[in-house]
C-alpha atoms as a PDB file:
ATOM      1  CA  UNK A   1     106.167  92.628  94.672  1.00  0.00           C
ATOM      2  CA  UNK A   2     102.376  92.341  94.430  1.00  0.00           C
ATOM      3  CA  UNK A   3     102.121  91.375  98.088  1.00  0.00           C
ATOM      4  CA  UNK A   4     104.080  94.497  99.078  1.00  0.00           C
ATOM      5  CA  UNK A   5     101.679  96.676  97.107  1.00  0.00           C
ATOM      6  CA  UNK A   6      98.669  95.006  98.717  1.00  0.00           C
ATOM      7  CA  UNK A   7     100.206  95.460 102.175  1.00  0.00           C
ATOM      8  CA  UNK A   8     100.817  99.145 101.356  1.00  0.00           C
ATOM      9  CA  UNK A   9      97.185  99.633 100.337  1.00  0.00           C
ATOM     10  CA  UNK A  10      95.940  97.944 103.503  1.00  0.00           C
ATOM     11  CA  UNK A  11      98.259  99.994 105.739  1.00  0.00           C
ATOM     12  CA  UNK A  12      97.291 103.250 104.022  1.00  0.00           C
ATOM     13  CA  UNK A  13      93.591 102.411 104.342  1.00  0.00           C
ATOM     14  CA  UNK A  14      93.895 101.526 108.023  1.00  0.00           C
ATOM     15  CA  UNK A  15      95.949 104.642 108.764  1.00  0.00           C
ATOM     16  CA  UNK A  16      93.359 106.820 107.050  1.00  0.00           C
ATOM     17  CA  UNK A  17      90.556 105.134 109.016  1.00  0.00           C
ATOM     18  CA  UNK A  18      92.383 105.699 112.310  1.00  0.00           C
ATOM     19  CA  UNK A  19      92.846 109.392 111.498  1.00  0.00           C
ATOM     20  CA  UNK A  20      89.225 109.677 110.376  1.00  0.00           C
ATOM     21  CA  UNK A  21      87.930 108.286 113.672  1.00  0.00           C
ATOM     22  CA  UNK A  22      90.477 110.223 115.747  1.00  0.00           C
ATOM     23  CA  UNK A  23      89.175 113.472 114.216  1.00  0.00           C
ATOM     24  CA  UNK A  24      85.559 112.526 114.908  1.00  0.00           C
ATOM     25  CA  UNK A  25      84.189 115.989 115.791  1.00  0.00           C
ATOM     26  CA  UNK A  26      86.886 118.072 114.071  1.00  0.00           C
ATOM     27  CA  UNK A  27      86.257 116.584 110.633  1.00  0.00           C
ATOM     28  CA  UNK A  28      83.346 118.881 109.799  1.00  0.00           C
ATOM     29  CA  UNK A  29      85.298 121.909 111.037  1.00  0.00           C
ATOM     30  CA  UNK A  30      88.579 121.176 109.251  1.00  0.00           C
ATOM     31  CA  UNK A  31      87.426 119.339 106.105  1.00  0.00           C
ATOM     32  CA  UNK A  32      84.703 119.665 103.492  1.00  0.00           C
ATOM     33  CA  UNK A  33      83.350 116.828 101.420  1.00  0.00           C
ATOM     34  CA  UNK A  34      82.218 117.008  97.821  1.00  0.00           C
ATOM     35  CA  UNK A  35      78.624 116.208  97.094  1.00  0.00           C
ATOM     36  CA  UNK A  36      77.862 113.063  95.137  1.00  0.00           C
ATOM     37  CA  UNK A  37      77.434 113.602  91.421  1.00  0.00           C
ATOM     38  CA  UNK A  38      77.383 111.498  88.283  1.00  0.00           C
ATOM     39  CA  UNK A  39      81.196 111.440  88.251  1.00  0.00           C
ATOM     40  CA  UNK A  40      81.629 111.061  92.021  1.00  0.00           C
ATOM     41  CA  UNK A  41      79.192 108.474  93.359  1.00  0.00           C
ATOM     42  CA  UNK A  42      79.491 107.547  97.032  1.00  0.00           C
ATOM     43  CA  UNK A  43      77.147 105.527  99.156  1.00  0.00           C
ATOM     44  CA  UNK A  44      76.298 106.145 102.809  1.00  0.00           C
ATOM     45  CA  UNK A  45      79.392 104.279 104.038  1.00  0.00           C
ATOM     46  CA  UNK A  46      81.652 106.161 101.632  1.00  0.00           C
ATOM     47  CA  UNK A  47      80.225 109.505 102.766  1.00  0.00           C
ATOM     48  CA  UNK A  48      80.733 108.527 106.402  1.00  0.00           C
ATOM     49  CA  UNK A  49      84.322 107.346 105.940  1.00  0.00           C
ATOM     50  CA  UNK A  50      85.382 110.136 103.581  1.00  0.00           C
ATOM     51  CA  UNK A  51      87.763 112.600 105.204  1.00  0.00           C
ATOM     52  CA  UNK A  52      87.324 115.293 102.551  1.00  0.00           C
ATOM     53  CA  UNK A  53      89.597 118.141 101.533  1.00  0.00           C
ATOM     54  CA  UNK A  54      91.107 120.656 103.978  1.00  0.00           C
ATOM     55  CA  UNK A  55      89.367 124.008 104.448  1.00  0.00           C
ATOM     56  CA  UNK A  56      91.631 125.545 107.109  1.00  0.00           C
ATOM     57  CA  UNK A  57      95.239 125.355 108.245  1.00  0.00           C
ATOM     58  CA  UNK A  58      94.491 122.605 110.810  1.00  0.00           C
ATOM     59  CA  UNK A  59      93.054 120.432 108.042  1.00  0.00           C
ATOM     60  CA  UNK A  60      96.050 121.163 105.836  1.00  0.00           C
ATOM     61  CA  UNK A  61      98.507 120.231 108.598  1.00  0.00           C
ATOM     62  CA  UNK A  62      96.525 117.050 109.287  1.00  0.00           C
ATOM     63  CA  UNK A  63      96.598 116.144 105.588  1.00  0.00           C
ATOM     64  CA  UNK A  64     100.356 116.755 105.302  1.00  0.00           C
ATOM     65  CA  UNK A  65     101.036 114.647 108.412  1.00  0.00           C
ATOM     66  CA  UNK A  66      98.759 111.875 107.115  1.00  0.00           C
ATOM     67  CA  UNK A  67     100.561 111.835 103.773  1.00  0.00           C
ATOM     68  CA  UNK A  68     103.967 111.805 105.519  1.00  0.00           C
ATOM     69  CA  UNK A  69     102.929 108.863 107.707  1.00  0.00           C
ATOM     70  CA  UNK A  70     101.660 106.893 104.706  1.00  0.00           C
ATOM     71  CA  UNK A  71     104.868 107.604 102.755  1.00  0.00           C
ATOM     72  CA  UNK A  72     106.866 106.440 105.785  1.00  0.00           C
ATOM     73  CA  UNK A  73     104.819 103.233 106.007  1.00  0.00           C
ATOM     74  CA  UNK A  74     105.348 102.523 102.304  1.00  0.00           C
ATOM     75  CA  UNK A  75     109.071 103.192 102.600  1.00  0.00           C
ATOM     76  CA  UNK A  76     109.349 100.822 105.552  1.00  0.00           C
ATOM     77  CA  UNK A  77     107.367  98.101 103.799  1.00  0.00           C
ATOM     78  CA  UNK A  78     109.508  98.246 100.651  1.00  0.00           C
ATOM     79  CA  UNK A  79     112.811  98.382 102.542  1.00  0.00           C
ATOM     80  CA  UNK A  80     112.088  95.780 105.229  1.00  0.00           C
ATOM     81  CA  UNK A  81     110.076  93.173 103.328  1.00  0.00           C
END
């Protein structure tokens, strides 16, 4: 069970990274990132990899598709393994 959860985390992380790099120039147009604060501390790498939250309908559609893909991956992992 623990290995399935770890595989799910790795797949979700890799999927998010692929989407982040696929949206290279669109990220700043479609998403906004929160500034670092005492509660939300992010380093340079975290700021670079962070997708952010959607600010327009294209960002919202991208977020919904990303969530659907991750849910599909998790479903496949738990049913096939």
